[in-house]
Amino acid sequence: LSLHDALPILETSLTTETKTNEHKLQVHNNINDNGPTAKLLQDIISQAVTKKATSIHIEIDETIVTIKLRNNNDSKTIMTPPKSIATTLINRIKMIANMRK
């Protein structure tokens, strides 16, 4: 399953589960955002799908964010973006997952 194939499934799932038309439109617009955080998250998910990762780990340190992919018991760092993106990245994940901030 490629990222290109996975995102529409996620989008459909989120749209189906929302309670109001206004919220459906907001979720749809946010998922299709092309900003730097959206692109970063798409890259993380794309790498996870390509490498058949069993999970994605986001570790926030004092100065950096470490993104790791786990495949069974093997964990590998795929990127270390600056800590300044941590809050935005986590909020984006929560928004897509329909979680509270």
PDB file of N, CA and C in Angstrom:
ATOM      1  N   LEU A   1       0.852  -1.176   0.000  1.00  0.00           N
ATOM      2  CA  LEU A   1       0.000   0.000   0.000  1.00  0.00           C
ATOM      3  C   LEU A   1       0.895   1.235   0.000  1.00  0.00           C
ATOM      4  N   SER A   2       0.763   2.055  -1.011  1.00  0.00           N
ATOM      5  CA  SER A   2       1.590   3.255  -1.100  1.00  0.00           C
ATOM      6  C   SER A   2       0.945   4.391  -0.323  1.00  0.00           C
ATOM      7  N   LEU A   3       1.741   5.429  -0.008  1.00  0.00           N
ATOM      8  CA  LEU A   3       1.222   6.606   0.682  1.00  0.00           C
ATOM      9  C   LEU A   3       0.098   7.218  -0.139  1.00  0.00           C
ATOM     10  N   HIS A   4       0.289   7.248  -1.455  1.00  0.00           N
ATOM     11  CA  HIS A   4      -0.712   7.806  -2.349  1.00  0.00           C
ATOM     12  C   HIS A   4      -2.044   7.065  -2.181  1.00  0.00           C
ATOM     13  N   ASP A   5      -1.989   5.742  -1.987  1.00  0.00           N
ATOM     14  CA  ASP A   5      -3.196   4.948  -1.791  1.00  0.00           C
ATOM     15  C   ASP A   5      -3.731   5.046  -0.362  1.00  0.00           C
ATOM     16  N   ALA A   6      -2.833   5.197   0.619  1.00  0.00           N
ATOM     17  CA  ALA A   6      -3.239   5.193   2.026  1.00  0.00           C
ATOM     18  C   ALA A   6      -3.948   6.474   2.448  1.00  0.00           C
ATOM     19  N   LEU A   7      -3.497   7.625   1.969  1.00  0.00           N
ATOM     20  CA  LEU A   7      -4.089   8.894   2.405  1.00  0.00           C
ATOM     21  C   LEU A   7      -5.567   9.018   2.041  1.00  0.00           C
ATOM     22  N   PRO A   8      -6.000   8.624   0.822  1.00  0.00           N
ATOM     23  CA  PRO A   8      -7.448   8.704   0.547  1.00  0.00           C
ATOM     24  C   PRO A   8      -8.272   7.798   1.462  1.00  0.00           C
ATOM     25  N   ILE A   9      -7.710   6.650   1.848  1.00  0.00           N
ATOM     26  CA  ILE A   9      -8.417   5.759   2.763  1.00  0.00           C
ATOM     27  C   ILE A   9      -8.579   6.437   4.114  1.00  0.00           C
ATOM     28  N   LEU A  10      -7.497   7.048   4.609  1.00  0.00           N
ATOM     29  CA  LEU A  10      -7.542   7.771   5.872  1.00  0.00           C
ATOM     30  C   LEU A  10      -8.539   8.924   5.786  1.00  0.00           C
ATOM     31  N   GLU A  11      -8.483   9.659   4.689  1.00  0.00           N
ATOM     32  CA  GLU A  11      -9.381  10.791   4.500  1.00  0.00           C
ATOM     33  C   GLU A  11     -10.835  10.329   4.492  1.00  0.00           C
ATOM     34  N   THR A  12     -11.131   9.247   3.803  1.00  0.00           N
ATOM     35  CA  THR A  12     -12.486   8.714   3.747  1.00  0.00           C
ATOM     36  C   THR A  12     -12.952   8.278   5.124  1.00  0.00           C
ATOM     37  N   SER A  13     -12.069   7.614   5.842  1.00  0.00           N
ATOM     38  CA  SER A  13     -12.397   7.152   7.189  1.00  0.00           C
ATOM     39  C   SER A  13     -12.718   8.325   8.104  1.00  0.00           C
ATOM     40  N   LEU A  14     -11.886   9.351   8.074  1.00  0.00           N
ATOM     41  CA  LEU A  14     -12.118  10.526   8.920  1.00  0.00           C
ATOM     42  C   LEU A  14     -13.409  11.233   8.537  1.00  0.00           C
ATOM     43  N   THR A  15     -13.653  11.386   7.238  1.00  0.00           N
ATOM     44  CA  THR A  15     -14.847  12.073   6.778  1.00  0.00           C
ATOM     45  C   THR A  15     -16.096  11.313   7.211  1.00  0.00           C
ATOM     46  N   THR A  16     -16.052   9.989   7.112  1.00  0.00           N
ATOM     47  CA  THR A  16     -17.191   9.164   7.482  1.00  0.00           C
ATOM     48  C   THR A  16     -17.507   9.265   8.960  1.00  0.00           C
ATOM     49  N   GLU A  17     -16.483   9.375   9.785  1.00  0.00           N
ATOM     50  CA  GLU A  17     -16.671   9.360  11.232  1.00  0.00           C
ATOM     51  C   GLU A  17     -16.990  10.724  11.832  1.00  0.00           C
ATOM     52  N   THR A  18     -16.884  11.788  11.082  1.00  0.00           N
ATOM     53  CA  THR A  18     -17.177  13.108  11.638  1.00  0.00           C
ATOM     54  C   THR A  18     -18.676  13.280  11.823  1.00  0.00           C
ATOM     55  N   LYS A  19     -19.069  14.156  12.754  1.00  0.00           N
ATOM     56  CA  LYS A  19     -20.478  14.260  13.136  1.00  0.00           C
ATOM     57  C   LYS A  19     -21.246  15.349  12.405  1.00  0.00           C
ATOM     58  N   THR A  20     -20.566  16.381  11.892  1.00  0.00           N
ATOM     59  CA  THR A  20     -21.286  17.454  11.214  1.00  0.00           C
ATOM     60  C   THR A  20     -20.640  17.749   9.871  1.00  0.00           C
ATOM     61  N   ASN A  21     -21.415  18.302   8.959  1.00  0.00           N
ATOM     62  CA  ASN A  21     -20.882  18.654   7.647  1.00  0.00           C
ATOM     63  C   ASN A  21     -19.797  19.704   7.747  1.00  0.00           C
ATOM     64  N   GLU A  22     -19.946  20.645   8.669  1.00  0.00           N
ATOM     65  CA  GLU A  22     -18.923  21.675   8.846  1.00  0.00           C
ATOM     66  C   GLU A  22     -17.604  21.046   9.274  1.00  0.00           C
ATOM     67  N   HIS A  23     -17.664  20.124  10.204  1.00  0.00           N
ATOM     68  CA  HIS A  23     -16.447  19.446  10.666  1.00  0.00           C
ATOM     69  C   HIS A  23     -15.856  18.586   9.542  1.00  0.00           C
ATOM     70  N   LYS A  24     -16.708  17.946   8.738  1.00  0.00           N
ATOM     71  CA  LYS A  24     -16.225  17.149   7.607  1.00  0.00           C
ATOM     72  C   LYS A  24     -15.412  18.023   6.653  1.00  0.00           C
ATOM     73  N   LEU A  25     -15.916  19.208   6.352  1.00  0.00           N
ATOM     74  CA  LEU A  25     -15.207  20.110   5.453  1.00  0.00           C
ATOM     75  C   LEU A  25     -13.877  20.552   6.059  1.00  0.00           C
ATOM     76  N   GLN A  26     -13.862  20.859   7.344  1.00  0.00           N
ATOM     77  CA  GLN A  26     -12.627  21.282   8.006  1.00  0.00           C
ATOM     78  C   GLN A  26     -11.584  20.164   7.981  1.00  0.00           C
ATOM     79  N   VAL A  27     -11.972  18.944   8.290  1.00  0.00           N
ATOM     80  CA  VAL A  27     -11.042  17.806   8.268  1.00  0.00           C
ATOM     81  C   VAL A  27     -10.506  17.593   6.863  1.00  0.00           C
ATOM     82  N   HIS A  28     -11.395  17.637   5.871  1.00  0.00           N
ATOM     83  CA  HIS A  28     -10.975  17.457   4.473  1.00  0.00           C
ATOM     84  C   HIS A  28      -9.943  18.505   4.068  1.00  0.00           C
ATOM     85  N   ASN A  29     -10.193  19.755   4.401  1.00  0.00           N
ATOM     86  CA  ASN A  29      -9.265  20.828   4.036  1.00  0.00           C
ATOM     87  C   ASN A  29      -7.925  20.691   4.763  1.00  0.00           C
ATOM     88  N   ASN A  30      -7.943  20.301   6.029  1.00  0.00           N
ATOM     89  CA  ASN A  30      -6.711  20.149   6.788  1.00  0.00           C
ATOM     90  C   ASN A  30      -5.872  18.988   6.293  1.00  0.00           C
ATOM     91  N   ILE A  31      -6.486  17.886   5.917  1.00  0.00           N
ATOM     92  CA  ILE A  31      -5.744  16.728   5.416  1.00  0.00           C
ATOM     93  C   ILE A  31      -5.056  17.075   4.099  1.00  0.00           C
ATOM     94  N   ASN A  32      -5.712  17.885   3.284  1.00  0.00           N
ATOM     95  CA  ASN A  32      -5.156  18.232   1.982  1.00  0.00           C
ATOM     96  C   ASN A  32      -4.198  19.416   2.039  1.00  0.00           C
ATOM     97  N   ASP A  33      -3.863  19.874   3.234  1.00  0.00           N
ATOM     98  CA  ASP A  33      -2.903  20.962   3.417  1.00  0.00           C
ATOM     99  C   ASP A  33      -1.563  20.554   2.811  1.00  0.00           C
ATOM    100  N   ASN A  34      -0.913  21.484   2.138  1.00  0.00           N
ATOM    101  CA  ASN A  34       0.382  21.200   1.525  1.00  0.00           C
ATOM    102  C   ASN A  34       1.531  21.912   2.219  1.00  0.00           C
ATOM    103  N   GLY A  35       1.322  22.321   3.463  1.00  0.00           N
ATOM    104  CA  GLY A  35       2.353  23.015   4.219  1.00  0.00           C
ATOM    105  C   GLY A  35       3.507  22.100   4.591  1.00  0.00           C
ATOM    106  N   PRO A  36       4.577  22.673   5.162  1.00  0.00           N
ATOM    107  CA  PRO A  36       5.767  21.888   5.482  1.00  0.00           C
ATOM    108  C   PRO A  36       5.523  20.764   6.488  1.00  0.00           C
ATOM    109  N   THR A  37       4.652  20.977   7.466  1.00  0.00           N
ATOM    110  CA  THR A  37       4.369  19.912   8.435  1.00  0.00           C
ATOM    111  C   THR A  37       3.615  18.777   7.764  1.00  0.00           C
ATOM    112  N   ALA A  38       2.676  19.111   6.896  1.00  0.00           N
ATOM    113  CA  ALA A  38       1.929  18.081   6.161  1.00  0.00           C
ATOM    114  C   ALA A  38       2.871  17.268   5.288  1.00  0.00           C
ATOM    115  N   LYS A  39       3.786  17.950   4.618  1.00  0.00           N
ATOM    116  CA  LYS A  39       4.748  17.246   3.756  1.00  0.00           C
ATOM    117  C   LYS A  39       5.674  16.358   4.581  1.00  0.00           C
ATOM    118  N   LEU A  40       6.098  16.842   5.750  1.00  0.00           N
ATOM    119  CA  LEU A  40       6.950  16.041   6.623  1.00  0.00           C
ATOM    120  C   LEU A  40       6.216  14.783   7.067  1.00  0.00           C
ATOM    121  N   LEU A  41       4.973  14.927   7.499  1.00  0.00           N
ATOM    122  CA  LEU A  41       4.199  13.781   7.943  1.00  0.00           C
ATOM    123  C   LEU A  41       3.962  12.802   6.791  1.00  0.00           C
ATOM    124  N   GLN A  42       3.694  13.322   5.609  1.00  0.00           N
ATOM    125  CA  GLN A  42       3.532  12.459   4.436  1.00  0.00           C
ATOM    126  C   GLN A  42       4.812  11.683   4.154  1.00  0.00           C
ATOM    127  N   ASP A  43       5.958  12.331   4.318  1.00  0.00           N
ATOM    128  CA  ASP A  43       7.243  11.669   4.105  1.00  0.00           C
ATOM    129  C   ASP A  43       7.463  10.559   5.133  1.00  0.00           C
ATOM    130  N   ILE A  44       7.130  10.842   6.391  1.00  0.00           N
ATOM    131  CA  ILE A  44       7.276   9.843   7.453  1.00  0.00           C
ATOM    132  C   ILE A  44       6.404   8.626   7.147  1.00  0.00           C
ATOM    133  N   ILE A  45       5.142   8.869   6.816  1.00  0.00           N
ATOM    134  CA  ILE A  45       4.222   7.768   6.521  1.00  0.00           C
ATOM    135  C   ILE A  45       4.665   7.013   5.269  1.00  0.00           C
ATOM    136  N   SER A  46       5.117   7.749   4.265  1.00  0.00           N
ATOM    137  CA  SER A  46       5.588   7.115   3.033  1.00  0.00           C
ATOM    138  C   SER A  46       6.757   6.175   3.304  1.00  0.00           C
ATOM    139  N   GLN A  47       7.721   6.651   4.098  1.00  0.00           N
ATOM    140  CA  GLN A  47       8.862   5.801   4.437  1.00  0.00           C
ATOM    141  C   GLN A  47       8.419   4.583   5.236  1.00  0.00           C
ATOM    142  N   ALA A  48       7.470   4.777   6.146  1.00  0.00           N
ATOM    143  CA  ALA A  48       6.973   3.660   6.957  1.00  0.00           C
ATOM    144  C   ALA A  48       6.313   2.598   6.074  1.00  0.00           C
ATOM    145  N   VAL A  49       5.523   3.049   5.110  1.00  0.00           N
ATOM    146  CA  VAL A  49       4.858   2.110   4.203  1.00  0.00           C
ATOM    147  C   VAL A  49       5.886   1.404   3.325  1.00  0.00           C
ATOM    148  N   THR A  50       6.808   2.172   2.760  1.00  0.00           N
ATOM    149  CA  THR A  50       7.832   1.603   1.880  1.00  0.00           C
ATOM    150  C   THR A  50       8.692   0.565   2.604  1.00  0.00           C
ATOM    151  N   LYS A  51       9.041   0.881   3.847  1.00  0.00           N
ATOM    152  CA  LYS A  51       9.917  -0.013   4.619  1.00  0.00           C
ATOM    153  C   LYS A  51       9.134  -1.049   5.421  1.00  0.00           C
ATOM    154  N   LYS A  52       7.826  -1.082   5.221  1.00  0.00           N
ATOM    155  CA  LYS A  52       6.950  -2.037   5.904  1.00  0.00           C
ATOM    156  C   LYS A  52       7.123  -2.002   7.420  1.00  0.00           C
ATOM    157  N   ALA A  53       7.167  -0.797   7.957  1.00  0.00           N
ATOM    158  CA  ALA A  53       7.340  -0.616   9.396  1.00  0.00           C
ATOM    159  C   ALA A  53       6.105  -1.109  10.150  1.00  0.00           C
ATOM    160  N   THR A  54       6.347  -1.641  11.335  1.00  0.00           N
ATOM    161  CA  THR A  54       5.240  -2.074  12.179  1.00  0.00           C
ATOM    162  C   THR A  54       4.760  -0.937  13.076  1.00  0.00           C
ATOM    163  N   SER A  55       5.606   0.094  13.266  1.00  0.00           N
ATOM    164  CA  SER A  55       5.194   1.263  14.032  1.00  0.00           C
ATOM    165  C   SER A  55       6.123   2.439  13.751  1.00  0.00           C
ATOM    166  N   ILE A  56       5.621   3.624  14.071  1.00  0.00           N
ATOM    167  CA  ILE A  56       6.383   4.867  13.938  1.00  0.00           C
ATOM    168  C   ILE A  56       6.543   5.437  15.344  1.00  0.00           C
ATOM    169  N   HIS A  57       7.773   5.772  15.706  1.00  0.00           N
ATOM    170  CA  HIS A  57       8.041   6.355  17.022  1.00  0.00           C
ATOM    171  C   HIS A  57       8.545   7.783  16.850  1.00  0.00           C
ATOM    172  N   ILE A  58       7.976   8.701  17.632  1.00  0.00           N
ATOM    173  CA  ILE A  58       8.393  10.093  17.622  1.00  0.00           C
ATOM    174  C   ILE A  58       8.893  10.408  19.022  1.00  0.00           C
ATOM    175  N   GLU A  59      10.191  10.674  19.123  1.00  0.00           N
ATOM    176  CA  GLU A  59      10.811  10.973  20.415  1.00  0.00           C
ATOM    177  C   GLU A  59      11.222  12.439  20.437  1.00  0.00           C
ATOM    178  N   ILE A  60      10.746  13.162  21.454  1.00  0.00           N
ATOM    179  CA  ILE A  60      11.051  14.587  21.562  1.00  0.00           C
ATOM    180  C   ILE A  60      12.095  14.777  22.645  1.00  0.00           C
ATOM    181  N   ASP A  61      13.246  15.333  22.240  1.00  0.00           N
ATOM    182  CA  ASP A  61      14.372  15.575  23.143  1.00  0.00           C
ATOM    183  C   ASP A  61      14.439  17.078  23.417  1.00  0.00           C
ATOM    184  N   GLU A  62      15.473  17.515  24.121  1.00  0.00           N
ATOM    185  CA  GLU A  62      15.616  18.942  24.424  1.00  0.00           C
ATOM    186  C   GLU A  62      15.851  19.794  23.182  1.00  0.00           C
ATOM    187  N   THR A  63      16.521  19.254  22.173  1.00  0.00           N
ATOM    188  CA  THR A  63      16.863  20.058  21.000  1.00  0.00           C
ATOM    189  C   THR A  63      16.370  19.495  19.672  1.00  0.00           C
ATOM    190  N   ILE A  64      16.057  18.218  19.615  1.00  0.00           N
ATOM    191  CA  ILE A  64      15.624  17.612  18.344  1.00  0.00           C
ATOM    192  C   ILE A  64      14.441  16.675  18.554  1.00  0.00           C
ATOM    193  N   VAL A  65      13.836  16.332  17.448  1.00  0.00           N
ATOM    194  CA  VAL A  65      12.800  15.306  17.409  1.00  0.00           C
ATOM    195  C   VAL A  65      13.408  14.134  16.639  1.00  0.00           C
ATOM    196  N   THR A  66      13.315  12.950  17.183  1.00  0.00           N
ATOM    197  CA  THR A  66      13.846  11.773  16.507  1.00  0.00           C
ATOM    198  C   THR A  66      12.672  10.933  16.019  1.00  0.00           C
ATOM    199  N   ILE A  67      12.659  10.687  14.717  1.00  0.00           N
ATOM    200  CA  ILE A  67      11.615   9.870  14.118  1.00  0.00           C
ATOM    201  C   ILE A  67      12.230   8.504  13.816  1.00  0.00           C
ATOM    202  N   LYS A  68      11.627   7.466  14.380  1.00  0.00           N
ATOM    203  CA  LYS A  68      12.133   6.105  14.184  1.00  0.00           C
ATOM    204  C   LYS A  68      11.038   5.214  13.618  1.00  0.00           C
ATOM    205  N   LEU A  69      11.471   4.267  12.798  1.00  0.00           N
ATOM    206  CA  LEU A  69      10.570   3.244  12.297  1.00  0.00           C
ATOM    207  C   LEU A  69      10.953   1.926  12.940  1.00  0.00           C
ATOM    208  N   ARG A  70       9.970   1.192  13.368  1.00  0.00           N
ATOM    209  CA  ARG A  70      10.220  -0.120  13.962  1.00  0.00           C
ATOM    210  C   ARG A  70       9.656  -1.179  13.019  1.00  0.00           C
ATOM    211  N   ASN A  71      10.443  -2.195  12.814  1.00  0.00           N
ATOM    212  CA  ASN A  71      10.003  -3.351  12.044  1.00  0.00           C
ATOM    213  C   ASN A  71      10.303  -4.554  12.901  1.00  0.00           C
ATOM    214  N   ASN A  72       9.270  -5.095  13.535  1.00  0.00           N
ATOM    215  CA  ASN A  72       9.399  -6.145  14.548  1.00  0.00           C
ATOM    216  C   ASN A  72      10.256  -5.606  15.689  1.00  0.00           C
ATOM    217  N   ASN A  73      11.430  -6.149  15.942  1.00  0.00           N
ATOM    218  CA  ASN A  73      12.255  -5.678  17.060  1.00  0.00           C
ATOM    219  C   ASN A  73      13.380  -4.748  16.615  1.00  0.00           C
ATOM    220  N   ASP A  74      13.411  -4.390  15.352  1.00  0.00           N
ATOM    221  CA  ASP A  74      14.475  -3.540  14.814  1.00  0.00           C
ATOM    222  C   ASP A  74      13.972  -2.104  14.683  1.00  0.00           C
ATOM    223  N   SER A  75      14.658  -1.155  15.343  1.00  0.00           N
ATOM    224  CA  SER A  75      14.274   0.253  15.305  1.00  0.00           C
ATOM    225  C   SER A  75      15.372   1.060  14.620  1.00  0.00           C
ATOM    226  N   LYS A  76      14.979   1.886  13.622  1.00  0.00           N
ATOM    227  CA  LYS A  76      15.956   2.709  12.903  1.00  0.00           C
ATOM    228  C   LYS A  76      15.484   4.144  12.827  1.00  0.00           C
ATOM    229  N   THR A  77      16.423   5.067  13.098  1.00  0.00           N
ATOM    230  CA  THR A  77      16.134   6.489  12.976  1.00  0.00           C
ATOM    231  C   THR A  77      16.085   6.853  11.492  1.00  0.00           C
ATOM    232  N   ILE A  78      15.001   7.524  11.079  1.00  0.00           N
ATOM    233  CA  ILE A  78      14.895   7.929   9.678  1.00  0.00           C
ATOM    234  C   ILE A  78      15.104   9.425   9.489  1.00  0.00           C
ATOM    235  N   MET A  79      14.910  10.207  10.572  1.00  0.00           N
ATOM    236  CA  MET A  79      15.157  11.650  10.477  1.00  0.00           C
ATOM    237  C   MET A  79      15.192  12.265  11.866  1.00  0.00           C
ATOM    238  N   THR A  80      15.848  13.420  11.939  1.00  0.00           N
ATOM    239  CA  THR A  80      15.942  14.158  13.198  1.00  0.00           C
ATOM    240  C   THR A  80      15.682  15.643  12.939  1.00  0.00           C
ATOM    241  N   PRO A  81      14.415  16.003  12.749  1.00  0.00           N
ATOM    242  CA  PRO A  81      14.100  17.412  12.517  1.00  0.00           C
ATOM    243  C   PRO A  81      14.276  18.233  13.798  1.00  0.00           C
ATOM    244  N   PRO A  82      14.345  19.552  13.686  1.00  0.00           N
ATOM    245  CA  PRO A  82      14.517  20.402  14.877  1.00  0.00           C
ATOM    246  C   PRO A  82      13.294  20.331  15.788  1.00  0.00           C
ATOM    247  N   LYS A  83      13.506  20.596  17.054  1.00  0.00           N
ATOM    248  CA  LYS A  83      12.433  20.528  18.039  1.00  0.00           C
ATOM    249  C   LYS A  83      11.330  21.543  17.744  1.00  0.00           C
ATOM    250  N   SER A  84      11.651  22.588  17.031  1.00  0.00           N
ATOM    251  CA  SER A  84      10.659  23.633  16.748  1.00  0.00           C
ATOM    252  C   SER A  84       9.431  23.100  16.002  1.00  0.00           C
ATOM    253  N   ILE A  85       9.537  21.941  15.347  1.00  0.00           N
ATOM    254  CA  ILE A  85       8.395  21.390  14.616  1.00  0.00           C
ATOM    255  C   ILE A  85       7.571  20.433  15.465  1.00  0.00           C
ATOM    256  N   ALA A  86       8.030  20.095  16.660  1.00  0.00           N
ATOM    257  CA  ALA A  86       7.399  19.049  17.477  1.00  0.00           C
ATOM    258  C   ALA A  86       5.915  19.303  17.734  1.00  0.00           C
ATOM    259  N   THR A  87       5.583  20.460  18.245  1.00  0.00           N
ATOM    260  CA  THR A  87       4.190  20.753  18.585  1.00  0.00           C
ATOM    261  C   THR A  87       3.304  20.714  17.354  1.00  0.00           C
ATOM    262  N   THR A  88       3.750  21.321  16.266  1.00  0.00           N
ATOM    263  CA  THR A  88       2.969  21.341  15.032  1.00  0.00           C
ATOM    264  C   THR A  88       2.769  19.932  14.486  1.00  0.00           C
ATOM    265  N   LEU A  89       3.819  19.121  14.513  1.00  0.00           N
ATOM    266  CA  LEU A  89       3.732  17.749  14.011  1.00  0.00           C
ATOM    267  C   LEU A  89       2.760  16.918  14.849  1.00  0.00           C
ATOM    268  N   ILE A  90       2.887  16.983  16.157  1.00  0.00           N
ATOM    269  CA  ILE A  90       2.006  16.221  17.041  1.00  0.00           C
ATOM    270  C   ILE A  90       0.556  16.691  16.893  1.00  0.00           C
ATOM    271  N   ASN A  91       0.339  17.998  16.802  1.00  0.00           N
ATOM    272  CA  ASN A  91      -1.019  18.511  16.621  1.00  0.00           C
ATOM    273  C   ASN A  91      -1.622  18.055  15.300  1.00  0.00           C
ATOM    274  N   ARG A  92      -0.817  17.991  14.265  1.00  0.00           N
ATOM    275  CA  ARG A  92      -1.308  17.517  12.963  1.00  0.00           C
ATOM    276  C   ARG A  92      -1.729  16.054  13.047  1.00  0.00           C
ATOM    277  N   ILE A  93      -0.923  15.239  13.709  1.00  0.00           N
ATOM    278  CA  ILE A  93      -1.266  13.826  13.873  1.00  0.00           C
ATOM    279  C   ILE A  93      -2.578  13.701  14.657  1.00  0.00           C
ATOM    280  N   LYS A  94      -2.707  14.473  15.721  1.00  0.00           N
ATOM    281  CA  LYS A  94      -3.930  14.444  16.521  1.00  0.00           C
ATOM    282  C   LYS A  94      -5.136  14.882  15.698  1.00  0.00           C
ATOM    283  N   MET A  95      -4.969  15.901  14.878  1.00  0.00           N
ATOM    284  CA  MET A  95      -6.063  16.400  14.053  1.00  0.00           C
ATOM    285  C   MET A  95      -6.506  15.328  13.056  1.00  0.00           C
ATOM    286  N   ILE A  96      -5.560  14.693  12.395  1.00  0.00           N
ATOM    287  CA  ILE A  96      -5.906  13.659  11.417  1.00  0.00           C
ATOM    288  C   ILE A  96      -6.569  12.468  12.107  1.00  0.00           C
ATOM    289  N   ALA A  97      -6.124  12.148  13.304  1.00  0.00           N
ATOM    290  CA  ALA A  97      -6.687  11.019  14.056  1.00  0.00           C
ATOM    291  C   ALA A  97      -7.964  11.399  14.795  1.00  0.00           C
ATOM    292  N   ASN A  98      -8.386  12.651  14.649  1.00  0.00           N
ATOM    293  CA  ASN A  98      -9.594  13.163  15.296  1.00  0.00           C
ATOM    294  C   ASN A  98      -9.487  13.092  16.813  1.00  0.00           C
ATOM    295  N   MET A  99      -8.295  13.422  17.327  1.00  0.00           N
ATOM    296  CA  MET A  99      -8.052  13.457  18.774  1.00  0.00           C
ATOM    297  C   MET A  99      -8.067  14.903  19.236  1.00  0.00           C
ATOM    298  N   ARG A 100      -8.248  15.114  20.507  1.00  0.00           N
ATOM    299  CA  ARG A 100      -8.203  16.472  21.060  1.00  0.00           C
ATOM    300  C   ARG A 100      -6.774  16.946  21.153  1.00  0.00           C
ATOM    301  N   LYS A 101      -6.599  18.257  21.049  1.00  0.00           N
ATOM    302  CA  LYS A 101      -5.253  18.845  21.164  1.00  0.00           C
ATOM    303  C   LYS A 101      -4.806  18.863  22.596  1.00  0.00           C
TER     304      LYS A 101
END
